[in-house]
Amino acid sequence: MSELENKPVNAAAEEGQEEEAVESPDVHFEPIVKLEDVVVKTHEEDESEIFK
């Protein structure tokens, strides 16, 4: 085998230190189309409750 295959990838791996976790970026996308709130009616609004 060549010497390149036996070398560690970085200096931290050579020293036995753990690699730090890479933080995920805070990604936020604005919507292209703004939707209005829709009121959904079930036609049960005017009914009285018999059993609780």
Protein backbone atom coordinates (compact mmCIF):
# COMPACT_ATOMS: atom_id res chain seq x y z
CA MET A 1 0.00 0.00 0.00
CA SER A 2 1.07 3.55 -0.53
CA GLU A 3 1.74 6.00 2.26
CA LEU A 4 -1.24 8.16 1.25
CA GLU A 5 -3.69 5.37 2.06
CA ASN A 6 -2.32 4.94 5.58
CA LYS A 7 -2.41 8.64 6.58
CA PRO A 8 -5.37 9.96 8.61
CA VAL A 9 -7.71 12.38 6.90
CA ASN A 10 -7.10 15.28 9.28
CA ALA A 11 -4.93 16.20 12.26
CA ALA A 12 -7.78 15.71 14.76
CA ALA A 13 -8.18 12.08 13.72
CA GLU A 14 -4.43 11.61 14.12
CA GLU A 15 -4.54 12.90 17.70
CA GLY A 16 -7.61 10.81 18.57
CA GLN A 17 -9.91 13.78 19.12
CA GLU A 18 -13.55 13.55 18.18
CA GLU A 19 -14.74 15.73 15.33
CA GLU A 20 -17.19 18.49 16.17
CA ALA A 21 -20.73 18.08 14.90
CA VAL A 22 -21.50 20.33 11.97
CA GLU A 23 -24.38 22.65 12.76
CA SER A 24 -27.18 22.69 10.24
CA PRO A 25 -27.90 26.14 8.84
CA ASP A 26 -31.13 27.86 9.85
CA VAL A 27 -32.94 27.91 6.52
CA HIS A 28 -36.20 29.84 6.09
CA PHE A 29 -38.12 30.23 2.84
CA GLU A 30 -40.89 32.76 2.30
CA PRO A 31 -43.97 31.41 0.50
CA ILE A 32 -44.48 32.53 -3.08
CA VAL A 33 -48.28 32.68 -2.78
CA LYS A 34 -50.02 33.91 0.37
CA LEU A 35 -53.16 31.92 1.16
CA GLU A 36 -56.07 33.31 3.15
CA ASP A 37 -57.47 31.48 6.17
CA VAL A 38 -60.54 29.44 5.31
CA VAL A 39 -63.33 29.03 7.86
CA VAL A 40 -64.54 25.43 7.77
CA LYS A 41 -68.12 24.86 8.85
CA THR A 42 -69.38 21.42 9.85
CA HIS A 43 -73.00 22.57 10.32
CA GLU A 44 -72.81 21.39 13.93
CA GLU A 45 -72.24 24.87 15.33
CA ASP A 46 -75.94 25.49 16.09
CA GLU A 47 -76.68 22.06 17.55
CA SER A 48 -77.06 21.55 21.27
CA GLU A 49 -75.00 18.94 23.09
CA ILE A 50 -77.14 16.18 24.61
CA PHE A 51 -74.47 13.92 26.14
CA LYS A 52 -71.26 15.10 27.75
